[in-house]
C-alpha atoms as a PDB file:
ATOM      1  CA  UNK A   1     105.934 112.501  67.145  1.00  0.00           C
ATOM      2  CA  UNK A   2     109.585 113.433  66.898  1.00  0.00           C
ATOM      3  CA  UNK A   3     110.894 116.341  69.037  1.00  0.00           C
ATOM      4  CA  UNK A   4     109.861 119.325  68.269  1.00  0.00           C
ATOM      5  CA  UNK A   5     107.153 118.025  65.796  1.00  0.00           C
ATOM      6  CA  UNK A   6     103.732 119.750  66.164  1.00  0.00           C
ATOM      7  CA  UNK A   7     100.542 117.593  67.029  1.00  0.00           C
ATOM      8  CA  UNK A   8      98.128 118.574  64.584  1.00  0.00           C
ATOM      9  CA  UNK A   9      94.393 116.994  64.321  1.00  0.00           C
ATOM     10  CA  UNK A  10      91.349 116.361  66.341  1.00  0.00           C
ATOM     11  CA  UNK A  11      91.447 116.206  70.003  1.00  0.00           C
ATOM     12  CA  UNK A  12      90.072 112.756  71.145  1.00  0.00           C
ATOM     13  CA  UNK A  13      91.088 110.867  67.786  1.00  0.00           C
ATOM     14  CA  UNK A  14      94.672 110.526  68.430  1.00  0.00           C
ATOM     15  CA  UNK A  15      95.768 106.863  69.244  1.00  0.00           C
ATOM     16  CA  UNK A  16      97.455 106.546  73.076  1.00  0.00           C
ATOM     17  CA  UNK A  17     100.948 105.521  71.515  1.00  0.00           C
ATOM     18  CA  UNK A  18     101.194 108.819  69.245  1.00  0.00           C
ATOM     19  CA  UNK A  19     100.223 110.923  72.457  1.00  0.00           C
ATOM     20  CA  UNK A  20     102.796 109.467  74.530  1.00  0.00           C
ATOM     21  CA  UNK A  21     105.350 109.555  71.961  1.00  0.00           C
ATOM     22  CA  UNK A  22     106.140 105.981  71.249  1.00  0.00           C
ATOM     23  CA  UNK A  23     105.094 106.066  67.530  1.00  0.00           C
ATOM     24  CA  UNK A  24     104.437 108.100  64.795  1.00  0.00           C
ATOM     25  CA  UNK A  25     100.983 107.529  62.918  1.00  0.00           C
ATOM     26  CA  UNK A  26     100.420 104.013  61.842  1.00  0.00           C
ATOM     27  CA  UNK A  27      97.603 101.970  60.377  1.00  0.00           C
ATOM     28  CA  UNK A  28      96.762 101.177  63.814  1.00  0.00           C
ATOM     29  CA  UNK A  29      96.023 104.621  64.699  1.00  0.00           C
ATOM     30  CA  UNK A  30      93.512 104.778  61.866  1.00  0.00           C
ATOM     31  CA  UNK A  31      91.677 101.577  63.435  1.00  0.00           C
ATOM     32  CA  UNK A  32      91.892 103.599  66.800  1.00  0.00           C
ATOM     33  CA  UNK A  33      90.282 106.673  65.271  1.00  0.00           C
ATOM     34  CA  UNK A  34      87.514 104.419  63.606  1.00  0.00           C
ATOM     35  CA  UNK A  35      86.748 103.088  66.937  1.00  0.00           C
ATOM     36  CA  UNK A  36      86.474 106.285  68.453  1.00  0.00           C
ATOM     37  CA  UNK A  37      84.104 107.278  65.663  1.00  0.00           C
ATOM     38  CA  UNK A  38      81.994 104.223  66.047  1.00  0.00           C
ATOM     39  CA  UNK A  39      81.674 104.916  69.941  1.00  0.00           C
ATOM     40  CA  UNK A  40      80.475 108.148  68.905  1.00  0.00           C
ATOM     41  CA  UNK A  41      77.812 106.953  66.469  1.00  0.00           C
ATOM     42  CA  UNK A  42      76.825 104.357  69.035  1.00  0.00           C
ATOM     43  CA  UNK A  43      76.412 106.417  71.941  1.00  0.00           C
ATOM     44  CA  UNK A  44      75.978 110.090  70.883  1.00  0.00           C
ATOM     45  CA  UNK A  45      79.084 110.427  73.679  1.00  0.00           C
ATOM     46  CA  UNK A  46      82.617 110.755  72.701  1.00  0.00           C
ATOM     47  CA  UNK A  47      84.713 108.149  74.674  1.00  0.00           C
ATOM     48  CA  UNK A  48      87.569 110.801  75.630  1.00  0.00           C
ATOM     49  CA  UNK A  49      86.403 114.254  75.601  1.00  0.00           C
ATOM     50  CA  UNK A  50      86.291 116.073  78.847  1.00  0.00           C
ATOM     51  CA  UNK A  51      84.455 119.379  79.568  1.00  0.00           C
ATOM     52  CA  UNK A  52      84.663 122.066  82.342  1.00  0.00           C
ATOM     53  CA  UNK A  53      82.343 124.813  83.083  1.00  0.00           C
ATOM     54  CA  UNK A  54      82.961 127.991  80.878  1.00  0.00           C
ATOM     55  CA  UNK A  55      82.261 130.534  83.647  1.00  0.00           C
ATOM     56  CA  UNK A  56      79.138 131.604  81.733  1.00  0.00           C
ATOM     57  CA  UNK A  57      76.978 128.811  82.731  1.00  0.00           C
ATOM     58  CA  UNK A  58      77.852 126.660  79.668  1.00  0.00           C
ATOM     59  CA  UNK A  59      80.682 124.364  78.937  1.00  0.00           C
ATOM     60  CA  UNK A  60      83.781 124.135  77.168  1.00  0.00           C
ATOM     61  CA  UNK A  61      86.049 121.530  75.950  1.00  0.00           C
ATOM     62  CA  UNK A  62      89.066 120.690  78.394  1.00  0.00           C
ATOM     63  CA  UNK A  63      91.862 119.970  75.973  1.00  0.00           C
ATOM     64  CA  UNK A  64      94.613 118.996  78.612  1.00  0.00           C
ATOM     65  CA  UNK A  65      92.176 116.710  80.479  1.00  0.00           C
ATOM     66  CA  UNK A  66      91.059 115.078  76.984  1.00  0.00           C
ATOM     67  CA  UNK A  67      94.250 114.412  75.890  1.00  0.00           C
ATOM     68  CA  UNK A  68      95.370 112.841  79.428  1.00  0.00           C
ATOM     69  CA  UNK A  69      92.166 110.567  79.374  1.00  0.00           C
ATOM     70  CA  UNK A  70      92.952 109.932  75.503  1.00  0.00           C
ATOM     71  CA  UNK A  71      96.552 109.232  76.460  1.00  0.00           C
ATOM     72  CA  UNK A  72      95.453 106.526  79.019  1.00  0.00           C
ATOM     73  CA  UNK A  73      93.353 105.071  76.033  1.00  0.00           C
ATOM     74  CA  UNK A  74      90.951 103.614  78.812  1.00  0.00           C
ATOM     75  CA  UNK A  75      87.423 103.390  77.793  1.00  0.00           C
ATOM     76  CA  UNK A  76      84.631 103.470  80.685  1.00  0.00           C
ATOM     77  CA  UNK A  77      82.230 101.043  78.721  1.00  0.00           C
ATOM     78  CA  UNK A  78      80.123 100.902  82.350  1.00  0.00           C
ATOM     79  CA  UNK A  79      78.993 104.461  81.546  1.00  0.00           C
ATOM     80  CA  UNK A  80      75.238 105.058  80.969  1.00  0.00           C
ATOM     81  CA  UNK A  81      75.401 105.467  77.651  1.00  0.00           C
ATOM     82  CA  UNK A  82      76.894 102.005  76.821  1.00  0.00           C
ATOM     83  CA  UNK A  83      74.449 100.074  78.732  1.00  0.00           C
ATOM     84  CA  UNK A  84      72.010  99.541  75.924  1.00  0.00           C
ATOM     85  CA  UNK A  85      74.456  98.156  73.289  1.00  0.00           C
ATOM     86  CA  UNK A  86      75.199  94.439  72.660  1.00  0.00           C
ATOM     87  CA  UNK A  87      78.506  92.685  74.028  1.00  0.00           C
ATOM     88  CA  UNK A  88      79.427  92.475  70.144  1.00  0.00           C
ATOM     89  CA  UNK A  89      79.307  96.153  69.959  1.00  0.00           C
ATOM     90  CA  UNK A  90      80.906  96.828  72.803  1.00  0.00           C
ATOM     91  CA  UNK A  91      83.738  94.180  72.112  1.00  0.00           C
ATOM     92  CA  UNK A  92      84.047  95.904  68.605  1.00  0.00           C
ATOM     93  CA  UNK A  93      84.637  99.506  69.964  1.00  0.00           C
ATOM     94  CA  UNK A  94      86.774  98.100  73.019  1.00  0.00           C
ATOM     95  CA  UNK A  95      89.244  96.190  70.161  1.00  0.00           C
ATOM     96  CA  UNK A  96      89.358  99.321  67.989  1.00  0.00           C
ATOM     97  CA  UNK A  97      90.473 101.148  70.714  1.00  0.00           C
ATOM     98  CA  UNK A  98      92.831  99.005  72.250  1.00  0.00           C
ATOM     99  CA  UNK A  99      96.611 100.064  72.431  1.00  0.00           C
ATOM    100  CA  UNK A 100      97.138  97.482  69.549  1.00  0.00           C
ATOM    101  CA  UNK A 101      94.104  97.202  67.532  1.00  0.00           C
ATOM    102  CA  UNK A 102      95.534  95.821  64.291  1.00  0.00           C
END
C-alpha cells in the first residue's frame, strides 16, 4: 500500500506482504485469498481470524489481533480442525497461503 492509501477488503484475506506494506495487490495475493477460502471450506474455521469476548456473553471479531495474525501469515495446521484432513489437502492450503504462493 502506498503511504496514505486506505486498506479495504475483508479482514483475513489479505496476503501478508500487502499488510506489511511490501507490495500492492498481485496475482500472488489472489492465490493467498484462494488458500484462505479453501482452508475455510475444508475445516469450517477461518485460519487467521481471532475473536474476543463481546462483554455480553458472546464473541466479536478482534480486528487488530486478526490483522496481526494474518500479517505473520502463519498457519497452525496442527490445530484440531486440521487433523482429519489428508496431507495433500494440508499441503495445498500451506502452499497457497505461503508468502510466495506463485
